[in-house]
């Protein structure tokens, strides 16, 4: 499968962005979907994930209450709604597919797409 993230950009602190992740070469409902990010000089970190149906979700503590992961399987697209953005959210954001559709652990996510840059100015 291939994944392509989009929707990044430059936004002021307190602003919002919605990232999209389109899956091709497969059926989105067969996979768990995760979002990860990597800031300059830092390791990639988990942001959020959802199982195949979207019913169960997991979030990193630093985004709880601000970010929402969702998915529309009929459109083979997943989303990350990011509100109240902070300068420390600046990073490249990646989406990934997990072959075990009920598993939310980061190790499940092995199919990666190109990221999209999010920059939050203070």
N, C-alpha and C. Protein backbone atom coordinates (compact mmCIF):
# COMPACT_ATOMS: atom_id res chain seq x y z
N UNK A 1 0.84 -1.18 0.00
CA UNK A 1 0.00 0.00 0.00
C UNK A 1 0.88 1.24 0.00
N UNK A 2 0.30 2.33 -0.46
CA UNK A 2 0.99 3.61 -0.43
C UNK A 2 0.13 4.62 0.30
N UNK A 3 0.78 5.51 1.02
CA UNK A 3 0.05 6.54 1.76
C UNK A 3 0.64 7.90 1.42
N UNK A 4 -0.21 8.87 1.37
CA UNK A 4 0.21 10.24 1.09
C UNK A 4 -0.48 11.18 2.05
N UNK A 5 0.33 11.85 2.85
CA UNK A 5 -0.19 12.86 3.78
C UNK A 5 -0.17 14.22 3.11
N UNK A 6 -1.13 15.04 3.45
CA UNK A 6 -1.19 16.41 2.93
C UNK A 6 -1.93 17.29 3.93
N UNK A 7 -1.91 18.58 3.67
CA UNK A 7 -2.65 19.51 4.50
C UNK A 7 -1.80 20.32 5.45
N UNK A 8 -0.50 20.08 5.45
CA UNK A 8 0.36 20.85 6.31
C UNK A 8 0.51 22.28 5.84
N UNK A 9 1.17 23.09 6.64
CA UNK A 9 1.38 24.48 6.26
C UNK A 9 1.90 25.27 7.42
N UNK A 10 1.86 26.58 7.24
CA UNK A 10 2.32 27.51 8.27
C UNK A 10 1.09 28.12 8.94
N UNK A 11 1.07 28.08 10.25
CA UNK A 11 -0.07 28.60 10.99
C UNK A 11 0.44 29.27 12.26
N UNK A 12 -0.30 30.24 12.74
CA UNK A 12 0.07 30.90 13.99
C UNK A 12 -0.35 30.05 15.19
N UNK A 13 0.33 30.26 16.28
CA UNK A 13 -0.04 29.55 17.51
C UNK A 13 -1.51 29.82 17.82
N UNK A 14 -2.20 28.75 18.24
CA UNK A 14 -3.62 28.85 18.49
C UNK A 14 -4.48 28.50 17.30
N UNK A 15 -3.87 28.38 16.15
CA UNK A 15 -4.60 28.08 14.93
C UNK A 15 -4.86 26.59 14.76
N UNK A 16 -5.47 26.25 13.62
CA UNK A 16 -5.86 24.87 13.34
C UNK A 16 -5.41 24.46 11.95
N UNK A 17 -5.21 23.18 11.81
CA UNK A 17 -4.97 22.56 10.50
C UNK A 17 -5.63 21.19 10.50
N UNK A 18 -6.01 20.74 9.33
CA UNK A 18 -6.50 19.37 9.19
C UNK A 18 -5.62 18.65 8.18
N UNK A 19 -4.98 17.60 8.64
CA UNK A 19 -4.17 16.78 7.77
C UNK A 19 -5.00 15.64 7.20
N UNK A 20 -4.69 15.27 5.97
CA UNK A 20 -5.35 14.15 5.32
C UNK A 20 -4.32 13.10 4.97
N UNK A 21 -4.76 11.86 4.93
CA UNK A 21 -3.90 10.74 4.56
C UNK A 21 -4.70 9.83 3.63
N UNK A 22 -4.26 9.77 2.40
CA UNK A 22 -4.95 8.95 1.42
C UNK A 22 -4.18 7.66 1.21
N UNK A 23 -4.87 6.55 1.30
CA UNK A 23 -4.26 5.23 1.08
C UNK A 23 -4.63 4.74 -0.31
N UNK A 24 -3.64 4.25 -1.03
CA UNK A 24 -3.87 3.66 -2.34
C UNK A 24 -3.22 2.29 -2.41
N UNK A 25 -3.72 1.48 -3.32
CA UNK A 25 -3.18 0.13 -3.45
C UNK A 25 -3.73 -0.84 -2.42
N UNK A 26 -4.78 -0.44 -1.76
CA UNK A 26 -5.37 -1.29 -0.74
C UNK A 26 -6.67 -0.70 -0.26
N UNK A 27 -7.25 -1.31 0.75
CA UNK A 27 -8.52 -0.86 1.31
C UNK A 27 -8.27 -0.36 2.73
N UNK A 28 -8.61 0.89 2.98
CA UNK A 28 -8.31 1.51 4.27
C UNK A 28 -8.88 0.70 5.43
N UNK A 29 -10.04 0.12 5.26
CA UNK A 29 -10.69 -0.58 6.37
C UNK A 29 -9.93 -1.84 6.80
N UNK A 30 -8.93 -2.22 6.03
CA UNK A 30 -8.11 -3.38 6.40
C UNK A 30 -6.99 -3.03 7.38
N UNK A 31 -6.85 -1.73 7.67
CA UNK A 31 -5.68 -1.28 8.43
C UNK A 31 -6.06 -0.38 9.60
N UNK A 32 -5.26 -0.48 10.64
CA UNK A 32 -5.23 0.60 11.62
C UNK A 32 -4.43 1.75 10.99
N UNK A 33 -4.72 2.96 11.40
CA UNK A 33 -4.01 4.13 10.89
C UNK A 33 -3.42 4.91 12.04
N UNK A 34 -2.19 5.31 11.85
CA UNK A 34 -1.52 6.11 12.87
C UNK A 34 -0.93 7.37 12.29
N UNK A 35 -0.80 8.37 13.13
CA UNK A 35 -0.10 9.59 12.78
C UNK A 35 1.11 9.71 13.71
N UNK A 36 2.22 10.10 13.13
CA UNK A 36 3.47 10.29 13.84
C UNK A 36 4.07 11.61 13.40
N UNK A 37 5.04 12.10 14.17
CA UNK A 37 5.69 13.34 13.75
C UNK A 37 7.17 13.29 14.11
N UNK A 38 7.92 14.08 13.38
CA UNK A 38 9.35 14.18 13.64
C UNK A 38 9.78 15.63 13.52
N UNK A 39 10.25 16.15 14.63
CA UNK A 39 10.76 17.52 14.66
C UNK A 39 12.25 17.52 14.36
N UNK A 40 12.79 18.62 13.90
CA UNK A 40 14.22 18.68 13.59
C UNK A 40 15.08 18.27 14.78
N UNK A 41 15.99 17.36 14.54
CA UNK A 41 16.91 16.93 15.58
C UNK A 41 16.31 15.98 16.60
N UNK A 42 15.08 15.57 16.37
CA UNK A 42 14.42 14.67 17.33
C UNK A 42 13.99 13.38 16.63
N UNK A 43 13.72 12.38 17.41
CA UNK A 43 13.25 11.12 16.87
C UNK A 43 11.75 11.22 16.56
N UNK A 44 11.33 10.35 15.67
CA UNK A 44 9.92 10.30 15.34
C UNK A 44 9.12 9.86 16.56
N UNK A 45 7.96 10.47 16.75
CA UNK A 45 7.15 10.12 17.91
C UNK A 45 5.70 9.89 17.50
N UNK A 46 5.05 9.07 18.29
CA UNK A 46 3.65 8.74 18.08
C UNK A 46 2.77 9.94 18.43
N UNK A 47 1.74 10.16 17.59
CA UNK A 47 0.79 11.24 17.86
C UNK A 47 -0.60 10.68 18.16
N UNK A 48 -1.12 9.84 17.26
CA UNK A 48 -2.47 9.32 17.42
C UNK A 48 -2.65 8.11 16.52
N UNK A 49 -3.64 7.28 16.88
CA UNK A 49 -3.94 6.11 16.05
C UNK A 49 -5.39 5.73 16.24
N UNK A 50 -5.91 5.01 15.24
CA UNK A 50 -7.28 4.53 15.31
C UNK A 50 -7.36 3.14 14.68
N UNK A 51 -8.22 2.30 15.24
CA UNK A 51 -8.40 0.97 14.65
C UNK A 51 -9.20 1.09 13.36
N UNK A 52 -9.39 -0.02 12.69
CA UNK A 52 -9.97 -0.03 11.35
C UNK A 52 -11.33 0.66 11.28
N UNK A 53 -12.12 0.56 12.32
CA UNK A 53 -13.48 1.11 12.29
C UNK A 53 -13.54 2.55 12.76
N UNK A 54 -12.47 3.02 13.42
CA UNK A 54 -12.49 4.35 13.98
C UNK A 54 -13.11 4.43 15.36
N UNK A 55 -13.61 3.31 15.87
CA UNK A 55 -14.30 3.33 17.16
C UNK A 55 -13.32 3.51 18.31
N UNK A 56 -12.17 2.88 18.21
CA UNK A 56 -11.18 2.97 19.30
C UNK A 56 -10.00 3.80 18.81
N UNK A 57 -9.56 4.72 19.68
CA UNK A 57 -8.48 5.64 19.32
C UNK A 57 -7.49 5.76 20.46
N UNK A 58 -6.32 6.21 20.12
CA UNK A 58 -5.26 6.42 21.11
C UNK A 58 -4.55 7.72 20.76
N UNK A 59 -4.18 8.47 21.80
CA UNK A 59 -3.51 9.74 21.61
C UNK A 59 -2.30 9.85 22.52
N UNK A 60 -1.28 10.53 22.03
CA UNK A 60 -0.17 10.92 22.90
C UNK A 60 -0.68 11.97 23.89
N UNK A 61 -0.12 11.96 25.07
CA UNK A 61 -0.58 12.88 26.11
C UNK A 61 -0.48 14.34 25.66
N UNK A 62 0.54 14.65 24.88
CA UNK A 62 0.77 16.06 24.54
C UNK A 62 -0.22 16.59 23.50
N UNK A 63 -1.09 15.74 22.94
CA UNK A 63 -2.09 16.23 21.99
C UNK A 63 -3.52 15.99 22.47
N UNK A 64 -3.69 15.35 23.59
CA UNK A 64 -5.04 15.06 24.07
C UNK A 64 -5.81 16.36 24.30
N UNK A 65 -7.03 16.36 23.78
CA UNK A 65 -7.87 17.54 23.90
C UNK A 65 -7.65 18.56 22.81
N UNK A 66 -6.60 18.39 22.01
CA UNK A 66 -6.31 19.35 20.93
C UNK A 66 -6.42 18.70 19.55
N UNK A 67 -5.99 17.46 19.43
CA UNK A 67 -5.99 16.77 18.14
C UNK A 67 -7.06 15.69 18.13
N UNK A 68 -7.63 15.44 16.95
CA UNK A 68 -8.62 14.38 16.78
C UNK A 68 -8.30 13.59 15.53
N UNK A 69 -8.18 12.29 15.69
CA UNK A 69 -7.96 11.42 14.54
C UNK A 69 -9.31 10.85 14.10
N UNK A 70 -9.49 10.75 12.80
CA UNK A 70 -10.72 10.18 12.27
C UNK A 70 -10.41 9.52 10.93
N UNK A 71 -11.40 8.85 10.40
CA UNK A 71 -11.19 8.17 9.12
C UNK A 71 -12.50 8.03 8.39
N UNK A 72 -12.42 8.01 7.09
CA UNK A 72 -13.56 7.77 6.24
C UNK A 72 -13.17 6.63 5.30
N UNK A 73 -13.51 5.42 5.70
CA UNK A 73 -13.05 4.25 4.95
C UNK A 73 -13.57 4.22 3.52
N UNK A 74 -14.76 4.74 3.30
CA UNK A 74 -15.31 4.72 1.94
C UNK A 74 -14.50 5.60 0.99
N UNK A 75 -13.73 6.52 1.57
CA UNK A 75 -12.90 7.40 0.75
C UNK A 75 -11.42 7.06 0.86
N UNK A 76 -11.13 5.97 1.57
CA UNK A 76 -9.72 5.56 1.76
C UNK A 76 -8.88 6.70 2.32
N UNK A 77 -9.49 7.48 3.21
CA UNK A 77 -8.81 8.66 3.74
C UNK A 77 -8.94 8.74 5.25
N UNK A 78 -7.85 9.08 5.89
CA UNK A 78 -7.84 9.34 7.32
C UNK A 78 -7.45 10.80 7.54
N UNK A 79 -7.80 11.29 8.72
CA UNK A 79 -7.59 12.71 9.00
C UNK A 79 -6.96 12.90 10.39
N UNK A 80 -6.31 14.03 10.53
CA UNK A 80 -5.86 14.48 11.84
C UNK A 80 -6.23 15.95 11.97
N UNK A 81 -7.25 16.22 12.76
CA UNK A 81 -7.66 17.59 13.03
C UNK A 81 -6.82 18.11 14.18
N UNK A 82 -6.13 19.21 13.94
CA UNK A 82 -5.23 19.77 14.95
C UNK A 82 -5.70 21.17 15.31
N UNK A 83 -6.10 21.33 16.56
CA UNK A 83 -6.57 22.63 17.05
C UNK A 83 -5.62 23.15 18.11
N UNK A 84 -5.72 24.43 18.37
CA UNK A 84 -4.89 25.07 19.40
C UNK A 84 -3.42 24.69 19.23
N UNK A 85 -2.93 24.85 18.04
CA UNK A 85 -1.55 24.46 17.74
C UNK A 85 -0.55 25.31 18.50
N UNK A 86 0.54 24.67 18.86
CA UNK A 86 1.60 25.33 19.62
C UNK A 86 2.91 25.26 18.80
N UNK A 87 3.83 26.17 19.05
CA UNK A 87 5.11 26.12 18.32
C UNK A 87 5.81 24.77 18.45
N UNK A 88 5.65 24.11 19.58
CA UNK A 88 6.29 22.81 19.76
C UNK A 88 5.65 21.70 18.94
N UNK A 89 4.54 22.00 18.28
CA UNK A 89 3.93 21.03 17.37
C UNK A 89 4.60 21.06 15.99
N UNK A 90 5.50 21.99 15.78
CA UNK A 90 6.20 22.08 14.51
C UNK A 90 6.98 20.80 14.23
N UNK A 91 6.71 20.19 13.10
CA UNK A 91 7.32 18.90 12.75
C UNK A 91 6.84 18.48 11.38
N UNK A 92 7.47 17.44 10.87
CA UNK A 92 6.92 16.74 9.70
C UNK A 92 5.98 15.67 10.23
N UNK A 93 4.78 15.65 9.72
CA UNK A 93 3.78 14.69 10.16
C UNK A 93 3.63 13.58 9.11
N UNK A 94 3.63 12.36 9.60
CA UNK A 94 3.52 11.18 8.75
C UNK A 94 2.29 10.37 9.13
N UNK A 95 1.66 9.76 8.14
CA UNK A 95 0.64 8.76 8.44
C UNK A 95 1.21 7.39 8.10
N UNK A 96 0.68 6.39 8.76
CA UNK A 96 1.17 5.03 8.57
C UNK A 96 0.02 4.06 8.72
N UNK A 97 0.14 2.93 8.03
CA UNK A 97 -0.87 1.88 8.10
C UNK A 97 -0.35 0.72 8.92
N UNK A 98 -1.21 0.21 9.78
CA UNK A 98 -0.88 -0.95 10.59
C UNK A 98 -1.59 -2.18 10.09
N UNK A 99 -0.84 -3.24 9.85
CA UNK A 99 -1.43 -4.44 9.23
C UNK A 99 -2.37 -5.17 10.16
N UNK A 100 -2.27 -4.95 11.44
CA UNK A 100 -3.20 -5.54 12.38
C UNK A 100 -4.26 -4.49 12.68
N UNK A 101 -5.46 -4.63 12.13
CA UNK A 101 -6.45 -3.55 12.15
C UNK A 101 -6.99 -3.16 13.52
N UNK A 102 -6.78 -4.04 14.53
CA UNK A 102 -7.27 -3.73 15.88
C UNK A 102 -6.16 -3.26 16.82
N UNK A 103 -4.93 -3.20 16.31
CA UNK A 103 -3.78 -2.91 17.15
C UNK A 103 -3.37 -1.44 17.03
N UNK A 104 -3.24 -0.76 18.17
CA UNK A 104 -2.89 0.65 18.18
C UNK A 104 -1.45 0.93 18.58
N UNK A 105 -0.73 -0.09 18.98
CA UNK A 105 0.64 0.11 19.39
C UNK A 105 1.52 0.57 18.24
N UNK A 106 2.47 1.47 18.51
CA UNK A 106 3.32 2.02 17.44
C UNK A 106 4.03 0.96 16.60
N UNK A 107 4.36 -0.19 17.19
CA UNK A 107 5.10 -1.20 16.43
C UNK A 107 4.27 -1.82 15.32
N UNK A 108 2.96 -1.61 15.34
CA UNK A 108 2.09 -2.17 14.30
C UNK A 108 2.21 -1.41 12.99
N UNK A 109 2.73 -0.20 13.04
CA UNK A 109 2.69 0.67 11.87
C UNK A 109 3.99 0.57 11.09
N UNK A 110 3.92 -0.09 9.93
CA UNK A 110 5.13 -0.35 9.16
C UNK A 110 5.06 0.14 7.72
N UNK A 111 3.91 0.61 7.30
CA UNK A 111 3.79 1.15 5.95
C UNK A 111 3.66 2.66 6.08
N UNK A 112 4.64 3.36 5.57
CA UNK A 112 4.73 4.79 5.79
C UNK A 112 4.58 5.56 4.49
N UNK A 113 3.98 6.73 4.62
CA UNK A 113 3.91 7.63 3.48
C UNK A 113 4.86 8.79 3.66
N UNK A 114 4.92 9.62 2.64
CA UNK A 114 5.69 10.86 2.77
C UNK A 114 4.97 11.78 3.73
N UNK A 115 5.72 12.55 4.43
CA UNK A 115 5.14 13.43 5.42
C UNK A 115 4.70 14.76 4.86
N UNK A 116 4.09 15.53 5.72
CA UNK A 116 3.69 16.89 5.39
C UNK A 116 4.18 17.82 6.50
N UNK A 117 4.74 18.93 6.12
CA UNK A 117 5.35 19.84 7.08
C UNK A 117 4.30 20.71 7.75
N UNK A 118 4.37 20.76 9.06
CA UNK A 118 3.53 21.67 9.85
C UNK A 118 4.46 22.61 10.61
N UNK A 119 4.25 23.89 10.42
CA UNK A 119 5.05 24.90 11.11
C UNK A 119 4.12 25.83 11.85
N UNK A 120 4.36 25.96 13.15
CA UNK A 120 3.54 26.82 13.99
C UNK A 120 4.40 27.97 14.50
N UNK A 121 4.01 29.17 14.15
CA UNK A 121 4.77 30.34 14.57
C UNK A 121 4.20 30.90 15.87
N UNK A 122 5.07 31.49 16.65
CA UNK A 122 4.65 32.04 17.94
C UNK A 122 4.19 33.47 17.82
